[in-house]
Amino acid sequence: MAKGMTTEERKKDTREKIELGGLIVKAGLRYEKRALLLGLLIDAAERTKGDEAERSRLATIGAEAFGNDSE
């Protein structure tokens, strides 16, 4: 973490990281190895660069998952 961050900035950073971790859990990937998770994310980032159709497709999947919060 960067030196000189205020308490509020650290709290915001921590909250953001917790929320991002929650996405891993929501996706059903809680018990996967960290290297696999990072690989998935790097691959997705590369595949979606400049591909608006793929970004839209994945965003739709994510939006539907958020809509199914009863799971």
N, C-alpha and C. Protein backbone atom coordinates (compact mmCIF):
# COMPACT_ATOMS: atom_id res chain seq x y z
N MET A 1 0.85 -1.17 0.00
CA MET A 1 0.00 0.00 0.00
C MET A 1 0.90 1.23 0.00
N ALA A 2 0.50 2.26 -0.69
CA ALA A 2 1.30 3.47 -0.82
C ALA A 2 1.40 4.21 0.50
N LYS A 3 2.62 4.67 0.79
CA LYS A 3 2.80 5.47 2.00
C LYS A 3 2.09 6.79 1.80
N GLY A 4 1.63 7.34 2.91
CA GLY A 4 0.98 8.64 2.84
C GLY A 4 -0.51 8.58 2.57
N MET A 5 -1.06 7.40 2.50
CA MET A 5 -2.51 7.29 2.30
C MET A 5 -3.20 7.71 3.59
N THR A 6 -4.28 8.43 3.43
CA THR A 6 -5.05 8.82 4.60
C THR A 6 -5.86 7.63 5.10
N THR A 7 -6.38 7.76 6.30
CA THR A 7 -7.21 6.71 6.86
C THR A 7 -8.41 6.43 5.96
N GLU A 8 -9.02 7.47 5.46
CA GLU A 8 -10.19 7.30 4.58
C GLU A 8 -9.80 6.60 3.28
N GLU A 9 -8.65 6.93 2.74
CA GLU A 9 -8.20 6.27 1.51
C GLU A 9 -7.91 4.79 1.76
N ARG A 10 -7.33 4.47 2.90
CA ARG A 10 -7.06 3.08 3.24
C ARG A 10 -8.37 2.31 3.42
N LYS A 11 -9.34 2.94 4.07
CA LYS A 11 -10.64 2.29 4.26
C LYS A 11 -11.31 2.02 2.92
N LYS A 12 -11.26 3.00 2.03
CA LYS A 12 -11.86 2.85 0.71
C LYS A 12 -11.16 1.74 -0.07
N ASP A 13 -9.83 1.69 -0.01
CA ASP A 13 -9.06 0.66 -0.69
C ASP A 13 -9.41 -0.72 -0.14
N THR A 14 -9.49 -0.83 1.18
CA THR A 14 -9.83 -2.11 1.81
C THR A 14 -11.23 -2.56 1.40
N ARG A 15 -12.18 -1.65 1.42
CA ARG A 15 -13.57 -1.97 1.04
C ARG A 15 -13.64 -2.47 -0.40
N GLU A 16 -12.90 -1.80 -1.28
CA GLU A 16 -12.89 -2.19 -2.69
C GLU A 16 -12.34 -3.60 -2.85
N LYS A 17 -11.27 -3.92 -2.13
CA LYS A 17 -10.67 -5.25 -2.22
C LYS A 17 -11.62 -6.32 -1.68
N ILE A 18 -12.32 -6.01 -0.62
CA ILE A 18 -13.30 -6.95 -0.07
C ILE A 18 -14.41 -7.20 -1.08
N GLU A 19 -14.89 -6.15 -1.71
CA GLU A 19 -15.94 -6.30 -2.72
C GLU A 19 -15.46 -7.13 -3.90
N LEU A 20 -14.22 -6.92 -4.33
CA LEU A 20 -13.68 -7.70 -5.45
C LEU A 20 -13.55 -9.17 -5.06
N GLY A 21 -13.15 -9.44 -3.84
CA GLY A 21 -13.09 -10.81 -3.36
C GLY A 21 -14.46 -11.45 -3.36
N GLY A 22 -15.48 -10.67 -3.04
CA GLY A 22 -16.85 -11.17 -3.06
C GLY A 22 -17.27 -11.62 -4.45
N LEU A 23 -16.73 -10.97 -5.47
CA LEU A 23 -17.06 -11.38 -6.84
C LEU A 23 -16.50 -12.77 -7.13
N ILE A 24 -15.32 -13.06 -6.61
CA ILE A 24 -14.73 -14.39 -6.79
C ILE A 24 -15.65 -15.44 -6.15
N VAL A 25 -16.13 -15.15 -4.96
CA VAL A 25 -17.02 -16.08 -4.26
C VAL A 25 -18.32 -16.23 -5.05
N LYS A 26 -18.90 -15.13 -5.50
CA LYS A 26 -20.17 -15.16 -6.23
C LYS A 26 -20.04 -15.98 -7.51
N ALA A 27 -18.86 -15.94 -8.12
CA ALA A 27 -18.64 -16.69 -9.36
C ALA A 27 -18.41 -18.18 -9.11
N GLY A 28 -18.39 -18.58 -7.83
CA GLY A 28 -18.18 -19.99 -7.51
C GLY A 28 -16.74 -20.43 -7.57
N LEU A 29 -15.82 -19.46 -7.43
CA LEU A 29 -14.40 -19.76 -7.58
C LEU A 29 -13.62 -19.65 -6.27
N ARG A 30 -14.32 -19.68 -5.15
CA ARG A 30 -13.71 -19.47 -3.83
C ARG A 30 -12.52 -20.41 -3.59
N TYR A 31 -12.60 -21.64 -4.01
CA TYR A 31 -11.58 -22.63 -3.66
C TYR A 31 -10.55 -22.88 -4.76
N GLU A 32 -10.58 -22.07 -5.78
CA GLU A 32 -9.59 -22.22 -6.86
C GLU A 32 -8.26 -21.61 -6.42
N LYS A 33 -7.20 -22.09 -7.02
CA LYS A 33 -5.87 -21.56 -6.72
C LYS A 33 -5.75 -20.13 -7.23
N ARG A 34 -5.00 -19.34 -6.50
CA ARG A 34 -4.83 -17.93 -6.87
C ARG A 34 -4.24 -17.77 -8.26
N ALA A 35 -3.31 -18.64 -8.63
CA ALA A 35 -2.70 -18.55 -9.96
C ALA A 35 -3.74 -18.75 -11.06
N LEU A 36 -4.67 -19.68 -10.84
CA LEU A 36 -5.74 -19.91 -11.81
C LEU A 36 -6.62 -18.67 -11.92
N LEU A 37 -7.01 -18.11 -10.77
CA LEU A 37 -7.86 -16.92 -10.78
C LEU A 37 -7.20 -15.77 -11.53
N LEU A 38 -5.93 -15.56 -11.24
CA LEU A 38 -5.21 -14.48 -11.92
C LEU A 38 -5.12 -14.77 -13.41
N GLY A 39 -4.85 -16.01 -13.77
CA GLY A 39 -4.81 -16.38 -15.18
C GLY A 39 -6.13 -16.14 -15.89
N LEU A 40 -7.22 -16.49 -15.23
CA LEU A 40 -8.55 -16.24 -15.81
C LEU A 40 -8.77 -14.76 -16.05
N LEU A 41 -8.42 -13.96 -15.08
CA LEU A 41 -8.62 -12.51 -15.20
C LEU A 41 -7.73 -11.89 -16.28
N ILE A 42 -6.49 -12.32 -16.34
CA ILE A 42 -5.58 -11.80 -17.37
C ILE A 42 -6.08 -12.20 -18.75
N ASP A 43 -6.50 -13.45 -18.90
CA ASP A 43 -7.01 -13.92 -20.18
C ASP A 43 -8.25 -13.14 -20.59
N ALA A 44 -9.16 -12.94 -19.65
CA ALA A 44 -10.39 -12.18 -19.95
C ALA A 44 -10.06 -10.75 -20.34
N ALA A 45 -9.12 -10.15 -19.65
CA ALA A 45 -8.73 -8.77 -19.97
C ALA A 45 -8.19 -8.68 -21.39
N GLU A 46 -7.37 -9.65 -21.77
CA GLU A 46 -6.82 -9.66 -23.12
C GLU A 46 -7.90 -9.91 -24.18
N ARG A 47 -8.78 -10.87 -23.90
CA ARG A 47 -9.82 -11.22 -24.88
C ARG A 47 -10.84 -10.11 -25.07
N THR A 48 -11.04 -9.29 -24.07
CA THR A 48 -12.07 -8.26 -24.18
C THR A 48 -11.54 -6.92 -24.68
N LYS A 49 -10.23 -6.78 -24.78
CA LYS A 49 -9.67 -5.52 -25.30
C LYS A 49 -10.17 -5.29 -26.72
N GLY A 50 -10.89 -4.22 -26.90
CA GLY A 50 -11.38 -3.86 -28.22
C GLY A 50 -12.49 -4.74 -28.76
N ASP A 51 -13.01 -5.64 -27.96
CA ASP A 51 -14.08 -6.53 -28.42
C ASP A 51 -15.35 -6.20 -27.64
N GLU A 52 -16.07 -5.22 -28.14
CA GLU A 52 -17.27 -4.74 -27.44
C GLU A 52 -18.35 -5.81 -27.35
N ALA A 53 -18.43 -6.67 -28.35
CA ALA A 53 -19.44 -7.74 -28.32
C ALA A 53 -19.15 -8.69 -27.16
N GLU A 54 -17.88 -9.06 -26.98
CA GLU A 54 -17.52 -9.97 -25.89
C GLU A 54 -17.72 -9.28 -24.53
N ARG A 55 -17.36 -8.01 -24.44
CA ARG A 55 -17.57 -7.26 -23.19
C ARG A 55 -19.05 -7.21 -22.85
N SER A 56 -19.87 -6.98 -23.84
CA SER A 56 -21.31 -6.91 -23.64
C SER A 56 -21.86 -8.28 -23.21
N ARG A 57 -21.40 -9.33 -23.86
CA ARG A 57 -21.83 -10.69 -23.51
C ARG A 57 -21.50 -11.02 -22.06
N LEU A 58 -20.28 -10.71 -21.66
CA LEU A 58 -19.85 -11.00 -20.29
C LEU A 58 -20.57 -10.11 -19.28
N ALA A 59 -20.82 -8.86 -19.64
CA ALA A 59 -21.56 -7.96 -18.75
C ALA A 59 -22.98 -8.46 -18.54
N THR A 60 -23.58 -9.02 -19.57
CA THR A 60 -24.93 -9.58 -19.45
C THR A 60 -24.94 -10.77 -18.49
N ILE A 61 -23.95 -11.63 -18.62
CA ILE A 61 -23.83 -12.78 -17.71
C ILE A 61 -23.70 -12.28 -16.27
N GLY A 62 -22.84 -11.29 -16.05
CA GLY A 62 -22.64 -10.74 -14.71
C GLY A 62 -23.89 -10.08 -14.16
N ALA A 63 -24.58 -9.32 -14.98
CA ALA A 63 -25.80 -8.66 -14.54
C ALA A 63 -26.86 -9.68 -14.14
N GLU A 64 -26.95 -10.76 -14.91
CA GLU A 64 -27.91 -11.82 -14.57
C GLU A 64 -27.53 -12.47 -13.24
N ALA A 65 -26.24 -12.66 -12.99
CA ALA A 65 -25.79 -13.26 -11.73
C ALA A 65 -26.13 -12.35 -10.55
N PHE A 66 -25.96 -11.05 -10.72
CA PHE A 66 -26.33 -10.12 -9.67
C PHE A 66 -27.84 -10.14 -9.42
N GLY A 67 -28.60 -10.39 -10.47
CA GLY A 67 -30.04 -10.46 -10.35
C GLY A 67 -30.51 -11.71 -9.62
N ASN A 68 -29.64 -12.70 -9.53
CA ASN A 68 -29.97 -13.96 -8.86
C ASN A 68 -29.35 -14.02 -7.48
N ASP A 69 -29.44 -12.95 -6.71
CA ASP A 69 -28.80 -12.88 -5.40
C ASP A 69 -29.39 -13.81 -4.37
N SER A 70 -30.44 -14.50 -4.72
CA SER A 70 -31.04 -15.44 -3.76
C SER A 70 -30.24 -16.73 -3.66
N GLU A 71 -29.25 -16.90 -4.54
CA GLU A 71 -28.43 -18.13 -4.55
C GLU A 71 -27.53 -18.18 -3.34
